[in-house]
Amino acid sequence: MDDEYFMKQAFREACKAYEKGEVPVGAVVVAGTRIIGRAHNLIETLTDVTAHAEMQAITAAANMIGGKYLNECSLYVTLEPCIMCAGAIGWAQLSRLVYGAADPKRGYTRFTPGALHPKTEVVSGILAADCADLLTAFFEEKRGKNG
């Protein structure tokens, strides 16, 4: 199992979001080789602007291990985290952040590149084209229906 394998798991979550009419972002938290949290965007479903895939996956993982620090875990997410999620990743002290597509408009690297824990390793671009294509298809479909 490698970064691509776990990103495919996050991508599956993003597809679930797409099917629900949510912005298709998915995330999984991995400890060793085991997924301990998985989630997708639930913003529309829960009517909660904080219900991003990363936030949901971090909460699920913390509940699974019974602690707030995930310093021996990796987070895989299909889209570069926003500043809110980067803050949560930093507070959870995740050891690795692996993301697919960059988010030049709202991604944390544009606004707060220092938000993560100093020891967090960042890997970007894993399955980036697939992740970006799913987002593009979603927004093209939304625009087609609305405009």
Protein backbone atom coordinates (compact mmCIF):
# COMPACT_ATOMS: atom_id res chain seq x y z
CA MET A 1 0.00 0.00 0.00
CA ASP A 2 1.32 3.40 -0.96
CA ASP A 3 0.23 7.02 -1.37
CA GLU A 4 -1.63 6.26 -4.58
CA TYR A 5 -3.59 3.44 -2.94
CA PHE A 6 -4.76 5.64 -0.08
CA MET A 7 -5.51 8.56 -2.39
CA LYS A 8 -7.76 6.21 -4.37
CA GLN A 9 -9.62 5.55 -1.10
CA ALA A 10 -10.02 9.31 -0.59
CA PHE A 11 -11.17 9.60 -4.20
CA ARG A 12 -13.89 7.02 -3.53
CA GLU A 13 -15.10 9.27 -0.73
CA ALA A 14 -15.08 12.24 -3.11
CA CYS A 15 -17.27 10.25 -5.50
CA LYS A 16 -19.75 9.67 -2.66
CA ALA A 17 -19.87 13.43 -2.11
CA TYR A 18 -20.46 13.98 -5.84
CA GLU A 19 -23.40 11.57 -5.79
CA LYS A 20 -24.95 13.53 -2.90
CA GLY A 21 -24.57 16.88 -4.65
CA GLU A 22 -21.73 17.90 -2.35
CA VAL A 23 -18.50 19.44 -3.63
CA PRO A 24 -16.55 16.23 -4.35
CA VAL A 25 -13.78 16.20 -1.80
CA GLY A 26 -12.85 13.05 0.09
CA ALA A 27 -10.37 12.25 2.83
CA VAL A 28 -8.96 9.30 4.76
CA VAL A 29 -6.73 9.20 7.83
CA VAL A 30 -4.23 6.34 7.91
CA ALA A 31 -2.31 4.91 10.86
CA GLY A 32 0.40 2.58 9.59
CA THR A 33 -1.44 0.75 6.81
CA ARG A 34 -4.91 0.97 8.35
CA ILE A 35 -7.59 3.54 7.54
CA ILE A 36 -8.91 4.86 10.87
CA GLY A 37 -11.08 7.66 9.52
CA ARG A 38 -12.80 8.28 6.22
CA ALA A 39 -15.14 11.02 5.14
CA HIS A 40 -16.34 13.30 2.38
CA ASN A 41 -17.79 16.78 2.30
CA LEU A 42 -21.10 17.03 4.14
CA ILE A 43 -21.58 20.79 4.06
CA GLU A 44 -24.93 20.73 2.26
CA THR A 45 -26.16 17.58 4.00
CA LEU A 46 -25.46 18.92 7.50
CA THR A 47 -26.00 22.61 6.63
CA ASP A 48 -22.62 23.22 8.26
CA VAL A 49 -19.84 25.21 6.60
CA THR A 50 -17.27 23.41 8.77
CA ALA A 51 -18.27 19.92 7.55
CA HIS A 52 -15.31 19.62 5.18
CA ALA A 53 -14.02 16.14 4.39
CA GLU A 54 -10.80 16.75 6.33
CA MET A 55 -12.63 17.90 9.46
CA GLN A 56 -14.95 14.88 9.34
CA ALA A 57 -12.06 12.44 8.78
CA ILE A 58 -9.96 13.95 11.58
CA THR A 59 -12.90 13.69 13.98
CA ALA A 60 -13.57 10.08 12.97
CA ALA A 61 -9.90 9.15 13.43
CA ALA A 62 -9.63 10.88 16.81
CA ASN A 63 -12.75 9.03 17.96
CA MET A 64 -11.30 5.74 16.70
CA ILE A 65 -8.04 6.11 18.64
CA GLY A 66 -9.57 7.88 21.63
CA GLY A 67 -7.26 10.89 21.48
CA LYS A 68 -6.92 14.26 19.81
CA TYR A 69 -3.37 13.93 18.48
CA LEU A 70 -2.83 12.06 15.24
CA ASN A 71 0.94 12.52 15.17
CA GLU A 72 1.57 9.02 13.83
CA CYS A 73 -1.05 9.32 11.09
CA SER A 74 -1.31 10.56 7.52
CA LEU A 75 -4.23 12.47 6.03
CA TYR A 76 -5.02 11.87 2.36
CA VAL A 77 -7.36 14.41 0.78
CA THR A 78 -8.34 14.91 -2.84
CA LEU A 79 -8.07 18.73 -2.73
CA GLU A 80 -5.53 20.97 -1.05
CA PRO A 81 -6.97 21.89 2.36
CA CYS A 82 -8.38 25.34 3.07
CA ILE A 83 -7.02 27.46 5.92
CA MET A 84 -9.62 26.11 8.37
CA CYS A 85 -8.67 22.52 7.64
CA ALA A 86 -4.95 23.32 7.66
CA GLY A 87 -5.42 24.71 11.16
CA ALA A 88 -7.14 21.51 12.26
CA ILE A 89 -4.39 19.42 10.65
CA GLY A 90 -1.85 21.47 12.57
CA TRP A 91 -3.68 21.12 15.89
CA ALA A 92 -4.07 17.36 15.37
CA GLN A 93 -0.31 17.20 14.69
CA LEU A 94 -0.69 14.85 11.73
CA SER A 95 2.67 13.52 10.62
CA ARG A 96 1.81 13.66 6.91
CA LEU A 97 -0.56 15.52 4.62
CA VAL A 98 -0.98 14.07 1.15
CA TYR A 99 -3.27 15.87 -1.27
CA GLY A 100 -4.29 15.51 -4.87
CA ALA A 101 -5.35 18.69 -6.68
CA ALA A 102 -3.99 22.10 -5.74
CA ASP A 103 -6.48 24.84 -4.86
CA PRO A 104 -4.96 28.11 -6.09
CA LYS A 105 -8.01 30.15 -5.00
CA ARG A 106 -8.68 28.84 -1.48
CA GLY A 107 -5.82 26.49 -0.61
CA TYR A 108 -3.89 26.98 2.60
CA THR A 109 -0.54 27.38 0.80
CA ARG A 110 -1.78 30.67 -0.67
CA PHE A 111 -2.81 32.19 2.66
CA THR A 112 -1.23 30.35 5.59
CA PRO A 113 1.60 28.07 4.48
CA GLY A 114 2.84 27.89 8.08
CA ALA A 115 -0.45 26.60 9.53
CA LEU A 116 0.62 22.97 9.71
CA HIS A 117 2.65 21.47 12.55
CA PRO A 118 6.37 22.04 11.84
CA LYS A 119 7.00 18.28 11.66
CA THR A 120 4.20 17.59 9.16
CA GLU A 121 5.51 16.26 5.85
CA VAL A 122 3.52 17.47 2.83
CA VAL A 123 3.17 15.54 -0.43
CA SER A 124 1.09 17.05 -3.23
CA GLY A 125 -0.05 16.03 -6.67
CA ILE A 126 -1.02 12.40 -6.00
CA LEU A 127 -3.73 11.55 -8.59
CA ALA A 128 -4.04 15.31 -9.12
CA ALA A 129 -5.60 15.06 -12.58
CA ASP A 130 -8.30 12.62 -11.46
CA CYS A 131 -9.13 14.75 -8.42
CA ALA A 132 -9.23 17.97 -10.45
CA ASP A 133 -11.31 16.37 -13.22
CA LEU A 134 -13.97 15.26 -10.72
CA LEU A 135 -14.19 18.79 -9.30
CA THR A 136 -14.35 20.31 -12.79
CA ALA A 137 -17.13 17.93 -13.83
CA PHE A 138 -19.09 18.76 -10.68
CA PHE A 139 -18.91 22.53 -11.19
CA GLU A 140 -19.63 22.28 -14.92
CA GLU A 141 -22.73 20.25 -14.11
CA LYS A 142 -23.82 22.80 -11.49
CA ARG A 143 -23.30 25.70 -13.88
CA GLY A 144 -25.24 23.86 -16.60
CA LYS A 145 -28.22 23.44 -14.30
CA ASN A 146 -28.04 26.97 -12.94
CA GLY A 147 -27.00 29.04 -15.80
